N, C-alpha and C. Protein backbone atom coordinates (compact mmCIF):
# COMPACT_ATOMS: atom_id res chain seq x y z
N MET A 1 39.89 37.61 27.76
CA MET A 1 38.50 37.64 28.22
C MET A 1 38.46 37.60 29.75
N LYS A 2 37.45 38.26 30.29
CA LYS A 2 37.32 38.30 31.75
C LYS A 2 36.71 37.00 32.26
N PRO A 3 37.23 36.47 33.36
CA PRO A 3 36.65 35.23 33.90
C PRO A 3 35.27 35.47 34.50
N ILE A 4 34.42 34.45 34.38
CA ILE A 4 33.08 34.52 34.96
C ILE A 4 32.72 33.17 35.56
N VAL A 5 31.97 33.22 36.65
CA VAL A 5 31.49 32.02 37.34
C VAL A 5 29.98 31.94 37.17
N VAL A 6 29.50 30.80 36.71
CA VAL A 6 28.07 30.58 36.52
C VAL A 6 27.54 29.79 37.72
N ILE A 7 26.47 30.30 38.32
CA ILE A 7 25.83 29.60 39.44
C ILE A 7 24.59 28.90 38.93
N GLY A 8 24.57 27.58 39.08
CA GLY A 8 23.47 26.77 38.57
C GLY A 8 23.93 25.92 37.41
N GLU A 9 23.39 24.70 37.34
CA GLU A 9 23.81 23.77 36.29
C GLU A 9 22.61 23.11 35.63
N GLY A 10 21.45 23.76 35.71
CA GLY A 10 20.25 23.21 35.09
C GLY A 10 20.04 23.72 33.67
N GLY A 11 18.81 23.59 33.19
CA GLY A 11 18.49 23.99 31.83
C GLY A 11 18.70 25.47 31.57
N HIS A 12 18.29 26.31 32.51
CA HIS A 12 18.49 27.75 32.33
C HIS A 12 19.97 28.08 32.27
N SER A 13 20.77 27.38 33.05
CA SER A 13 22.22 27.59 33.01
C SER A 13 22.78 27.30 31.63
N LYS A 14 22.28 26.25 30.97
CA LYS A 14 22.75 25.94 29.62
C LYS A 14 22.50 27.13 28.69
N ALA A 15 21.30 27.73 28.80
CA ALA A 15 20.98 28.87 27.95
C ALA A 15 21.87 30.07 28.27
N VAL A 16 22.13 30.29 29.56
CA VAL A 16 23.00 31.41 29.96
C VAL A 16 24.42 31.19 29.45
N GLN A 17 24.90 29.96 29.55
CA GLN A 17 26.24 29.67 29.04
C GLN A 17 26.34 29.94 27.54
N ASP A 18 25.27 29.64 26.81
CA ASP A 18 25.25 29.95 25.38
C ASP A 18 25.35 31.45 25.13
N VAL A 19 24.67 32.25 25.96
CA VAL A 19 24.75 33.71 25.83
C VAL A 19 26.18 34.18 26.08
N ILE A 20 26.80 33.65 27.13
CA ILE A 20 28.18 34.03 27.45
C ILE A 20 29.11 33.68 26.30
N LEU A 21 28.94 32.50 25.74
CA LEU A 21 29.77 32.08 24.62
C LEU A 21 29.57 32.99 23.41
N ALA A 22 28.31 33.30 23.10
CA ALA A 22 28.02 34.13 21.93
C ALA A 22 28.51 35.55 22.12
N GLU A 23 28.41 36.06 23.33
CA GLU A 23 28.83 37.43 23.60
C GLU A 23 30.34 37.59 23.45
N GLY A 24 31.09 36.58 23.90
CA GLY A 24 32.52 36.58 23.67
C GLY A 24 33.33 37.50 24.55
N ARG A 25 32.76 37.96 25.66
CA ARG A 25 33.50 38.85 26.56
C ARG A 25 34.07 38.12 27.76
N HIS A 26 33.54 36.95 28.08
CA HIS A 26 33.92 36.24 29.30
C HIS A 26 34.33 34.80 28.99
N GLU A 27 35.16 34.28 29.86
CA GLU A 27 35.51 32.86 29.85
C GLU A 27 34.96 32.23 31.12
N VAL A 28 34.14 31.19 30.96
CA VAL A 28 33.59 30.50 32.13
C VAL A 28 34.70 29.69 32.79
N ILE A 29 35.01 30.03 34.04
CA ILE A 29 36.05 29.30 34.76
C ILE A 29 35.47 28.32 35.77
N ALA A 30 34.19 28.49 36.14
CA ALA A 30 33.58 27.59 37.12
C ALA A 30 32.07 27.59 36.94
N ILE A 31 31.48 26.42 37.20
CA ILE A 31 30.03 26.25 37.24
C ILE A 31 29.70 25.59 38.57
N LEU A 32 28.97 26.30 39.41
CA LEU A 32 28.72 25.83 40.77
C LEU A 32 27.25 25.51 40.97
N ASP A 33 27.00 24.37 41.59
CA ASP A 33 25.64 23.91 41.85
C ASP A 33 25.70 22.96 43.04
N ASP A 34 24.70 23.02 43.90
CA ASP A 34 24.73 22.20 45.11
C ASP A 34 24.46 20.72 44.85
N LYS A 35 24.25 20.34 43.61
CA LYS A 35 24.23 18.90 43.32
C LYS A 35 25.64 18.32 43.39
N ASN A 36 26.64 19.20 43.35
CA ASN A 36 28.04 18.77 43.49
C ASN A 36 28.47 18.86 44.95
N VAL A 37 29.01 17.79 45.47
CA VAL A 37 29.50 17.77 46.85
C VAL A 37 30.97 18.20 46.89
N ASP A 38 31.74 17.72 45.95
CA ASP A 38 33.17 18.00 45.90
C ASP A 38 33.49 18.95 44.75
N VAL A 39 34.69 19.51 44.81
CA VAL A 39 35.18 20.37 43.74
C VAL A 39 36.04 19.52 42.80
N PHE A 40 35.77 19.63 41.50
CA PHE A 40 36.56 18.89 40.51
C PHE A 40 36.65 19.72 39.24
N GLU A 41 37.54 19.32 38.36
CA GLU A 41 37.75 20.05 37.11
C GLU A 41 37.40 19.15 35.93
N ARG A 42 36.72 19.74 34.95
CA ARG A 42 36.40 19.02 33.73
C ARG A 42 36.58 19.94 32.53
N GLU A 43 37.47 19.57 31.63
CA GLU A 43 37.76 20.35 30.43
C GLU A 43 38.10 21.80 30.77
N GLY A 44 38.89 21.95 31.82
CA GLY A 44 39.38 23.27 32.19
C GLY A 44 38.43 24.13 32.98
N VAL A 45 37.25 23.59 33.34
CA VAL A 45 36.24 24.33 34.10
C VAL A 45 36.06 23.66 35.45
N LEU A 46 36.04 24.46 36.51
CA LEU A 46 35.82 23.93 37.85
C LEU A 46 34.33 23.72 38.10
N PHE A 47 34.02 22.61 38.78
CA PHE A 47 32.66 22.32 39.21
C PHE A 47 32.69 22.10 40.72
N GLY A 48 31.64 22.53 41.40
CA GLY A 48 31.59 22.34 42.84
C GLY A 48 30.30 22.89 43.41
N PRO A 49 30.14 22.84 44.74
CA PRO A 49 28.95 23.41 45.38
C PRO A 49 29.00 24.93 45.36
N ILE A 50 27.85 25.54 45.57
CA ILE A 50 27.77 27.00 45.52
C ILE A 50 28.64 27.65 46.59
N SER A 51 28.81 26.98 47.72
CA SER A 51 29.64 27.54 48.79
C SER A 51 31.08 27.78 48.34
N TYR A 52 31.53 27.08 47.29
CA TYR A 52 32.89 27.27 46.80
C TYR A 52 33.09 28.67 46.22
N ALA A 53 32.00 29.37 45.97
CA ALA A 53 32.09 30.75 45.48
C ALA A 53 32.88 31.64 46.43
N GLU A 54 32.80 31.36 47.72
CA GLU A 54 33.51 32.20 48.69
C GLU A 54 35.02 32.14 48.44
N LYS A 55 35.54 30.94 48.14
CA LYS A 55 36.97 30.82 47.85
C LYS A 55 37.32 31.48 46.52
N LEU A 56 36.44 31.36 45.54
CA LEU A 56 36.71 31.96 44.24
C LEU A 56 36.75 33.48 44.32
N THR A 57 35.89 34.07 45.13
CA THR A 57 35.92 35.54 45.25
C THR A 57 37.21 36.00 45.91
N ALA A 58 37.79 35.15 46.76
CA ALA A 58 39.01 35.53 47.46
C ALA A 58 40.25 35.40 46.58
N LYS A 59 40.21 34.49 45.61
CA LYS A 59 41.44 34.24 44.86
C LYS A 59 41.37 34.58 43.38
N THR A 60 40.21 35.07 42.90
CA THR A 60 40.09 35.48 41.50
C THR A 60 39.37 36.82 41.43
N ASP A 61 39.43 37.43 40.24
CA ASP A 61 38.65 38.65 40.00
C ASP A 61 37.46 38.35 39.10
N ALA A 62 36.98 37.11 39.15
CA ALA A 62 35.90 36.69 38.27
C ALA A 62 34.60 37.40 38.62
N ALA A 63 33.81 37.69 37.59
CA ALA A 63 32.44 38.12 37.77
C ALA A 63 31.55 36.90 37.98
N PHE A 64 30.34 37.12 38.47
CA PHE A 64 29.38 36.05 38.71
C PHE A 64 28.07 36.34 37.99
N VAL A 65 27.38 35.29 37.58
CA VAL A 65 26.02 35.39 37.09
C VAL A 65 25.23 34.22 37.67
N VAL A 66 24.05 34.51 38.22
CA VAL A 66 23.22 33.47 38.83
C VAL A 66 22.26 32.95 37.76
N ALA A 67 22.54 31.76 37.25
CA ALA A 67 21.79 31.18 36.14
C ALA A 67 20.75 30.19 36.65
N ILE A 68 19.83 30.71 37.45
CA ILE A 68 18.76 29.90 38.05
C ILE A 68 17.44 30.59 37.75
N GLY A 69 16.50 29.84 37.17
CA GLY A 69 15.27 30.45 36.70
C GLY A 69 14.30 30.88 37.78
N ASN A 70 14.28 30.17 38.92
CA ASN A 70 13.36 30.50 40.00
C ASN A 70 13.74 31.84 40.62
N ASN A 71 12.82 32.80 40.60
CA ASN A 71 13.14 34.16 41.05
C ASN A 71 13.51 34.22 42.53
N HIS A 72 12.78 33.49 43.37
CA HIS A 72 13.07 33.51 44.81
C HIS A 72 14.45 32.92 45.10
N ILE A 73 14.76 31.80 44.46
CA ILE A 73 16.06 31.16 44.69
C ILE A 73 17.18 32.04 44.14
N ARG A 74 16.93 32.65 42.98
CA ARG A 74 17.96 33.54 42.41
C ARG A 74 18.27 34.69 43.35
N GLU A 75 17.25 35.26 43.97
CA GLU A 75 17.48 36.34 44.94
C GLU A 75 18.26 35.84 46.15
N LYS A 76 17.86 34.69 46.68
CA LYS A 76 18.53 34.14 47.86
C LYS A 76 20.02 33.91 47.60
N ILE A 77 20.33 33.33 46.45
CA ILE A 77 21.73 33.03 46.15
C ILE A 77 22.51 34.31 45.86
N ALA A 78 21.90 35.26 45.16
CA ALA A 78 22.59 36.53 44.89
C ALA A 78 22.94 37.24 46.18
N MET A 79 22.04 37.23 47.16
CA MET A 79 22.32 37.88 48.44
C MET A 79 23.45 37.16 49.18
N MET A 80 23.49 35.84 49.10
CA MET A 80 24.57 35.08 49.71
C MET A 80 25.91 35.41 49.05
N LEU A 81 25.91 35.48 47.73
CA LEU A 81 27.15 35.79 47.02
C LEU A 81 27.64 37.19 47.35
N LEU A 82 26.74 38.13 47.54
CA LEU A 82 27.14 39.48 47.94
C LEU A 82 27.88 39.44 49.28
N GLU A 83 27.42 38.60 50.18
CA GLU A 83 28.10 38.46 51.47
C GLU A 83 29.52 37.91 51.28
N PHE A 84 29.73 37.12 50.24
CA PHE A 84 31.06 36.59 49.93
C PHE A 84 31.94 37.63 49.25
N GLY A 85 31.35 38.76 48.85
CA GLY A 85 32.10 39.79 48.14
C GLY A 85 32.08 39.64 46.63
N ALA A 86 31.13 38.88 46.10
CA ALA A 86 31.05 38.66 44.66
C ALA A 86 30.63 39.92 43.92
N ALA A 87 31.15 40.06 42.70
CA ALA A 87 30.72 41.11 41.78
C ALA A 87 29.97 40.45 40.63
N PHE A 88 28.94 41.13 40.15
CA PHE A 88 28.09 40.58 39.10
C PHE A 88 28.21 41.41 37.82
N GLU A 89 27.99 40.74 36.70
CA GLU A 89 27.94 41.45 35.43
C GLU A 89 26.75 40.95 34.62
N ALA A 90 26.13 41.87 33.86
CA ALA A 90 25.09 41.47 32.92
C ALA A 90 25.73 40.77 31.73
N VAL A 91 25.00 39.83 31.15
CA VAL A 91 25.42 39.19 29.90
C VAL A 91 24.31 39.37 28.88
N VAL A 92 24.70 39.78 27.68
CA VAL A 92 23.74 40.20 26.66
C VAL A 92 24.04 39.49 25.34
N HIS A 93 23.09 38.75 24.83
CA HIS A 93 23.31 38.03 23.58
C HIS A 93 23.45 39.03 22.43
N PRO A 94 24.43 38.82 21.55
CA PRO A 94 24.62 39.77 20.45
C PRO A 94 23.47 39.81 19.46
N PHE A 95 22.60 38.80 19.47
CA PHE A 95 21.44 38.81 18.60
C PHE A 95 20.20 39.37 19.28
N SER A 96 20.38 40.08 20.39
CA SER A 96 19.31 40.88 20.98
C SER A 96 19.46 42.32 20.48
N SER A 97 18.42 43.13 20.73
CA SER A 97 18.47 44.54 20.34
C SER A 97 18.21 45.38 21.58
N VAL A 98 19.25 46.09 22.03
CA VAL A 98 19.16 46.88 23.26
C VAL A 98 19.42 48.34 22.92
N SER A 99 18.46 49.19 23.21
CA SER A 99 18.62 50.63 22.95
C SER A 99 19.81 51.18 23.73
N PRO A 100 20.58 52.08 23.11
CA PRO A 100 21.67 52.71 23.86
C PRO A 100 21.21 53.55 25.04
N SER A 101 19.93 53.91 25.08
CA SER A 101 19.41 54.68 26.21
C SER A 101 18.83 53.80 27.31
N ALA A 102 18.80 52.48 27.08
CA ALA A 102 18.30 51.57 28.11
C ALA A 102 19.37 51.38 29.19
N CYS A 103 18.91 51.06 30.39
CA CYS A 103 19.81 50.82 31.53
C CYS A 103 19.63 49.37 31.97
N ILE A 104 20.74 48.62 32.01
CA ILE A 104 20.70 47.20 32.32
C ILE A 104 21.43 46.96 33.64
N GLY A 105 20.77 46.34 34.61
CA GLY A 105 21.36 46.10 35.92
C GLY A 105 22.32 44.94 35.94
N GLU A 106 23.16 44.91 36.96
CA GLU A 106 24.17 43.85 37.10
C GLU A 106 23.50 42.50 37.31
N GLY A 107 24.14 41.48 36.76
CA GLY A 107 23.64 40.12 36.91
C GLY A 107 22.48 39.75 36.02
N THR A 108 22.00 40.70 35.22
CA THR A 108 20.87 40.44 34.32
C THR A 108 21.33 39.67 33.09
N VAL A 109 20.45 38.82 32.58
CA VAL A 109 20.73 38.04 31.37
C VAL A 109 19.70 38.41 30.30
N ILE A 110 20.20 38.75 29.11
CA ILE A 110 19.33 39.12 27.99
C ILE A 110 19.55 38.11 26.88
N MET A 111 18.50 37.37 26.56
CA MET A 111 18.60 36.25 25.63
C MET A 111 18.45 36.70 24.17
N ALA A 112 18.75 35.77 23.27
CA ALA A 112 18.70 36.03 21.83
C ALA A 112 17.30 36.42 21.39
N GLY A 113 17.24 37.38 20.46
CA GLY A 113 15.98 37.79 19.86
C GLY A 113 15.16 38.75 20.67
N SER A 114 15.58 39.05 21.89
CA SER A 114 14.81 39.99 22.71
C SER A 114 15.08 41.43 22.27
N VAL A 115 14.12 42.30 22.56
CA VAL A 115 14.21 43.71 22.19
C VAL A 115 13.96 44.55 23.45
N ILE A 116 14.88 45.47 23.71
CA ILE A 116 14.72 46.40 24.83
C ILE A 116 14.82 47.80 24.24
N ASN A 117 13.75 48.55 24.31
CA ASN A 117 13.69 49.82 23.61
C ASN A 117 14.00 51.03 24.50
N ALA A 118 13.84 52.21 23.93
CA ALA A 118 14.38 53.45 24.50
C ALA A 118 13.96 53.70 25.94
N ASP A 119 14.95 54.08 26.75
CA ASP A 119 14.76 54.51 28.14
C ASP A 119 14.14 53.45 29.04
N ALA A 120 14.19 52.20 28.62
CA ALA A 120 13.78 51.12 29.52
C ALA A 120 14.83 50.95 30.61
N VAL A 121 14.37 50.63 31.80
CA VAL A 121 15.27 50.38 32.94
C VAL A 121 15.05 48.95 33.40
N ILE A 122 16.10 48.15 33.30
CA ILE A 122 16.05 46.74 33.69
C ILE A 122 16.86 46.59 34.97
N GLY A 123 16.24 46.04 36.01
CA GLY A 123 16.90 45.93 37.30
C GLY A 123 18.00 44.88 37.34
N LYS A 124 18.38 44.51 38.56
CA LYS A 124 19.45 43.55 38.78
C LYS A 124 18.91 42.11 38.75
N HIS A 125 19.73 41.21 38.19
CA HIS A 125 19.43 39.78 38.19
C HIS A 125 18.08 39.46 37.54
N VAL A 126 17.77 40.20 36.50
CA VAL A 126 16.54 39.98 35.73
C VAL A 126 16.82 39.01 34.59
N ILE A 127 15.82 38.23 34.20
CA ILE A 127 15.90 37.40 33.00
C ILE A 127 15.01 38.02 31.93
N ILE A 128 15.61 38.44 30.84
CA ILE A 128 14.85 38.87 29.66
C ILE A 128 15.01 37.75 28.65
N ASN A 129 13.99 36.93 28.54
CA ASN A 129 14.14 35.66 27.82
C ASN A 129 13.94 35.83 26.32
N SER A 130 14.15 34.74 25.60
CA SER A 130 14.23 34.75 24.14
C SER A 130 13.01 35.39 23.49
N SER A 131 13.27 36.31 22.56
CA SER A 131 12.24 36.92 21.71
C SER A 131 11.17 37.69 22.49
N SER A 132 11.47 38.12 23.71
CA SER A 132 10.55 38.98 24.44
C SER A 132 10.80 40.43 24.05
N VAL A 133 9.78 41.28 24.29
CA VAL A 133 9.86 42.70 23.92
C VAL A 133 9.58 43.55 25.15
N VAL A 134 10.55 44.39 25.48
CA VAL A 134 10.41 45.36 26.57
C VAL A 134 10.42 46.74 25.90
N GLU A 135 9.26 47.35 25.80
CA GLU A 135 9.14 48.59 25.03
C GLU A 135 9.67 49.80 25.81
N HIS A 136 9.56 50.95 25.18
CA HIS A 136 10.10 52.20 25.72
C HIS A 136 9.54 52.51 27.11
N ASP A 137 10.41 53.04 27.96
CA ASP A 137 10.04 53.56 29.28
C ASP A 137 9.50 52.51 30.23
N ASN A 138 9.76 51.25 29.95
CA ASN A 138 9.43 50.20 30.92
C ASN A 138 10.39 50.28 32.10
N HIS A 139 9.93 49.82 33.24
CA HIS A 139 10.79 49.66 34.42
C HIS A 139 10.58 48.26 34.96
N ILE A 140 11.63 47.44 34.89
CA ILE A 140 11.55 46.04 35.32
C ILE A 140 12.32 45.88 36.62
N GLY A 141 11.64 45.44 37.68
CA GLY A 141 12.25 45.33 38.99
C GLY A 141 13.26 44.20 39.09
N ASP A 142 14.10 44.28 40.12
CA ASP A 142 15.11 43.26 40.37
C ASP A 142 14.48 41.87 40.47
N PHE A 143 15.19 40.87 39.96
CA PHE A 143 14.83 39.45 40.07
C PHE A 143 13.55 39.08 39.32
N ALA A 144 13.08 39.95 38.44
CA ALA A 144 11.92 39.61 37.61
C ALA A 144 12.34 38.68 36.48
N HIS A 145 11.35 38.05 35.85
CA HIS A 145 11.60 37.16 34.71
C HIS A 145 10.56 37.46 33.65
N ILE A 146 11.02 37.90 32.48
CA ILE A 146 10.16 38.13 31.33
C ILE A 146 10.35 36.93 30.39
N SER A 147 9.34 36.09 30.28
CA SER A 147 9.47 34.81 29.60
C SER A 147 9.49 34.95 28.07
N PRO A 148 9.85 33.87 27.37
CA PRO A 148 9.94 33.93 25.91
C PRO A 148 8.65 34.43 25.26
N GLY A 149 8.83 35.36 24.32
CA GLY A 149 7.70 35.85 23.54
C GLY A 149 6.78 36.83 24.23
N ALA A 150 7.04 37.16 25.49
CA ALA A 150 6.20 38.13 26.19
C ALA A 150 6.40 39.52 25.59
N VAL A 151 5.34 40.33 25.61
CA VAL A 151 5.39 41.69 25.07
C VAL A 151 4.92 42.67 26.14
N LEU A 152 5.83 43.53 26.56
CA LEU A 152 5.51 44.61 27.49
C LEU A 152 5.49 45.89 26.68
N THR A 153 4.31 46.45 26.48
CA THR A 153 4.20 47.66 25.66
C THR A 153 4.68 48.86 26.47
N GLY A 154 4.50 50.08 25.98
CA GLY A 154 5.14 51.25 26.57
C GLY A 154 4.71 51.57 27.99
N ASN A 155 5.66 52.07 28.77
CA ASN A 155 5.41 52.58 30.13
C ASN A 155 4.83 51.53 31.07
N VAL A 156 5.27 50.31 30.93
CA VAL A 156 4.85 49.24 31.83
C VAL A 156 5.82 49.15 33.00
N GLN A 157 5.27 48.92 34.19
CA GLN A 157 6.08 48.74 35.40
C GLN A 157 5.93 47.30 35.87
N VAL A 158 7.05 46.61 36.02
CA VAL A 158 7.04 45.23 36.51
C VAL A 158 7.78 45.19 37.83
N GLY A 159 7.11 44.71 38.88
CA GLY A 159 7.68 44.74 40.22
C GLY A 159 8.77 43.72 40.46
N LYS A 160 9.41 43.87 41.58
CA LYS A 160 10.48 42.96 42.00
C LYS A 160 9.97 41.52 42.01
N GLY A 161 10.76 40.61 41.41
CA GLY A 161 10.46 39.19 41.48
C GLY A 161 9.26 38.74 40.69
N ALA A 162 8.62 39.63 39.93
CA ALA A 162 7.44 39.23 39.15
C ALA A 162 7.84 38.33 37.99
N HIS A 163 6.91 37.50 37.56
CA HIS A 163 7.15 36.57 36.45
C HIS A 163 6.07 36.79 35.40
N ILE A 164 6.49 37.20 34.22
CA ILE A 164 5.58 37.38 33.09
C ILE A 164 5.70 36.15 32.20
N GLY A 165 4.62 35.40 32.05
CA GLY A 165 4.66 34.12 31.36
C GLY A 165 4.87 34.24 29.86
N ALA A 166 5.18 33.11 29.25
CA ALA A 166 5.47 33.06 27.82
C ALA A 166 4.29 33.61 27.00
N SER A 167 4.62 34.50 26.06
CA SER A 167 3.66 35.08 25.11
C SER A 167 2.57 35.91 25.77
N ALA A 168 2.76 36.29 27.02
CA ALA A 168 1.81 37.22 27.66
C ALA A 168 2.02 38.62 27.11
N THR A 169 0.97 39.45 27.21
CA THR A 169 1.02 40.84 26.75
C THR A 169 0.52 41.74 27.87
N VAL A 170 1.23 42.83 28.09
CA VAL A 170 0.80 43.85 29.05
C VAL A 170 0.58 45.14 28.26
N VAL A 171 -0.63 45.70 28.32
CA VAL A 171 -0.95 46.90 27.55
C VAL A 171 -0.30 48.13 28.17
N PRO A 172 -0.22 49.24 27.42
CA PRO A 172 0.55 50.39 27.89
C PRO A 172 0.09 50.94 29.24
N GLY A 173 1.08 51.34 30.03
CA GLY A 173 0.83 52.07 31.26
C GLY A 173 0.42 51.24 32.45
N GLN A 174 0.40 49.92 32.32
CA GLN A 174 -0.04 49.08 33.42
C GLN A 174 1.13 48.68 34.33
N ALA A 175 0.80 48.26 35.55
CA ALA A 175 1.81 47.87 36.53
C ALA A 175 1.54 46.45 37.01
N ILE A 176 2.61 45.69 37.14
CA ILE A 176 2.55 44.32 37.67
C ILE A 176 3.24 44.35 39.04
N GLY A 177 2.54 43.91 40.08
CA GLY A 177 3.06 44.01 41.43
C GLY A 177 4.22 43.09 41.73
N ASP A 178 4.90 43.39 42.84
CA ASP A 178 6.03 42.58 43.29
C ASP A 178 5.61 41.12 43.46
N TRP A 179 6.46 40.22 42.95
CA TRP A 179 6.31 38.77 43.11
C TRP A 179 5.00 38.22 42.57
N SER A 180 4.36 38.94 41.67
CA SER A 180 3.15 38.43 41.03
C SER A 180 3.51 37.61 39.81
N ILE A 181 2.55 36.80 39.35
CA ILE A 181 2.73 35.93 38.19
C ILE A 181 1.65 36.25 37.17
N VAL A 182 2.07 36.48 35.94
CA VAL A 182 1.15 36.63 34.82
C VAL A 182 1.27 35.37 33.98
N GLY A 183 0.18 34.63 33.85
CA GLY A 183 0.23 33.34 33.17
C GLY A 183 0.54 33.44 31.70
N ALA A 184 1.00 32.35 31.14
CA ALA A 184 1.34 32.28 29.72
C ALA A 184 0.15 32.67 28.87
N GLY A 185 0.37 33.55 27.89
CA GLY A 185 -0.66 33.95 26.95
C GLY A 185 -1.67 34.95 27.48
N ALA A 186 -1.53 35.36 28.72
CA ALA A 186 -2.48 36.31 29.30
C ALA A 186 -2.34 37.69 28.66
N VAL A 187 -3.42 38.47 28.73
CA VAL A 187 -3.40 39.86 28.27
C VAL A 187 -3.82 40.74 29.45
N VAL A 188 -2.86 41.51 29.95
CA VAL A 188 -3.09 42.34 31.14
C VAL A 188 -3.57 43.71 30.68
N ILE A 189 -4.80 44.09 31.10
CA ILE A 189 -5.36 45.38 30.71
C ILE A 189 -5.60 46.30 31.91
N GLU A 190 -5.28 45.81 33.11
CA GLU A 190 -5.40 46.64 34.30
C GLU A 190 -4.33 46.24 35.31
N GLU A 191 -4.13 47.08 36.30
CA GLU A 191 -3.05 46.87 37.26
C GLU A 191 -3.19 45.53 37.98
N VAL A 192 -2.04 44.88 38.19
CA VAL A 192 -1.98 43.62 38.93
C VAL A 192 -1.32 43.90 40.27
N PRO A 193 -2.00 43.63 41.40
CA PRO A 193 -1.41 43.92 42.71
C PRO A 193 -0.26 42.98 43.06
N ASP A 194 0.38 43.24 44.19
CA ASP A 194 1.49 42.41 44.64
C ASP A 194 1.04 41.00 44.98
N GLY A 195 1.90 40.03 44.70
CA GLY A 195 1.76 38.69 45.23
C GLY A 195 0.56 37.90 44.77
N VAL A 196 0.09 38.12 43.53
CA VAL A 196 -1.06 37.38 43.03
C VAL A 196 -0.71 36.70 41.71
N THR A 197 -1.61 35.84 41.26
CA THR A 197 -1.48 35.19 39.96
C THR A 197 -2.68 35.58 39.10
N VAL A 198 -2.41 35.99 37.86
CA VAL A 198 -3.49 36.30 36.92
C VAL A 198 -3.29 35.49 35.65
N VAL A 199 -4.41 35.08 35.03
CA VAL A 199 -4.36 34.31 33.79
C VAL A 199 -5.51 34.76 32.90
N GLY A 200 -5.40 34.42 31.61
CA GLY A 200 -6.52 34.58 30.70
C GLY A 200 -6.51 35.85 29.88
N VAL A 201 -7.55 35.96 29.03
CA VAL A 201 -7.72 37.12 28.15
C VAL A 201 -9.13 37.64 28.31
N PRO A 202 -9.31 38.81 28.94
CA PRO A 202 -8.26 39.56 29.64
C PRO A 202 -7.85 38.85 30.92
N ALA A 203 -6.69 39.22 31.46
CA ALA A 203 -6.16 38.55 32.66
C ALA A 203 -7.09 38.76 33.85
N ARG A 204 -7.31 37.68 34.61
CA ARG A 204 -8.15 37.76 35.80
C ARG A 204 -7.43 37.07 36.95
N LEU A 205 -7.74 37.50 38.14
CA LEU A 205 -7.13 36.96 39.33
C LEU A 205 -7.61 35.54 39.60
N ILE A 206 -6.67 34.62 39.85
CA ILE A 206 -7.06 33.27 40.23
C ILE A 206 -6.57 32.88 41.61
N GLY A 207 -5.72 33.68 42.21
CA GLY A 207 -5.28 33.31 43.55
C GLY A 207 -4.14 34.16 44.04
N LYS A 208 -4.00 34.19 45.36
CA LYS A 208 -2.89 34.89 46.00
C LYS A 208 -1.85 33.88 46.41
N LYS A 209 -0.61 34.34 46.40
CA LYS A 209 0.47 33.49 46.85
C LYS A 209 0.50 33.43 48.37
N ALA A 210 0.92 32.30 48.91
CA ALA A 210 0.98 32.15 50.37
C ALA A 210 2.05 33.05 50.93
């Protein structure tokens, strides 16, 4: 199995580690999080601060996955790791359904029960969370997060860093702007601009991000 390094040690990291284990293609050799000051080993796995990734890229051929739920932080850390020379790989739970015509970007995580249908394009470092549906011809931007149970119907565009809340629905042909948030359970029936938050049925604007 190919070695992989997981960045982050919180709840989302636990879920990502489960995906890696279920997929069976990688062996976790290190889990890095800045709550760790020193580097130590536990049950054959290295633990340490995120900065230790620079040494790992120099002495191993391990792939990396950033297992942090916050989209902004995930982007920041991914950019730092690129400067270290890190390579990323997508991890896909075997109990998900991914069309052979779909395109999955590096560093993306696809959780159990999710469905990605024909000709969908999923960007880099995206989270496709448990039991979400990404229908045909969707385009999901880098660092986006599609939360559990969300349904993106056909030809939906989701911008970079956008967050679609749990059990939200986006009707066909709509676009969600970069870094926007769609609240849990919302139903989006018209375009959502960049950098805003929408909630409700139908979804309505409640505020802009600073």
